[in-house]
Amino acid sequence: MRRPPANRLNDRRFPQPPPAEELAPLVYDELRRLAAAYMRRERPGQTLQATALVHEAYLRLAGAGTPWRDKRHFVGIAARSMRQILVERARARGAQKRWRSSTACR
C-alpha cells in the first residue's frame, strides 16, 4: 500500500527521499513567500514574477533527481536555486547592456 506524501516526509526509516513531484505541493506556499521576498529586493520593473520564479526553480529541481534528504533540505535547495536564477538573469541583463554599448561605439 502506498503511503501519503506527508507520512513519507516524517519517516526517517524511508530509504529514498520523496521526489520533487511529491514535495513541491507541500511546500509551495513557503517557496512562494521566499520568492516574493527575493523579488522585493530586485530592481523595479522586473518581468519575472514570484510564481514564475518558483516554477522555474521547480523545473530545475525536478530534472536534478533527488539530491535532498527531507522537506527542509528541499526548501533550502529550492531557495538557492531561486537565488541562482535571479543572479543568472542579472548577469544576462548586464551582458546585454555591455553588448549594446560595444556595438554602438563602432
Foldseek 3Di string as FASTA:
>chain_A
DDDQLVVQQPDLPPPDEDALVRQCVVCVVVQLVLLQVVVVPDDPPDPDHSNNLLVVLSVVRNVPTDPADHNVRVSVSSSVSSVVVVVVVVVVVVVVVVVVVVVVVD
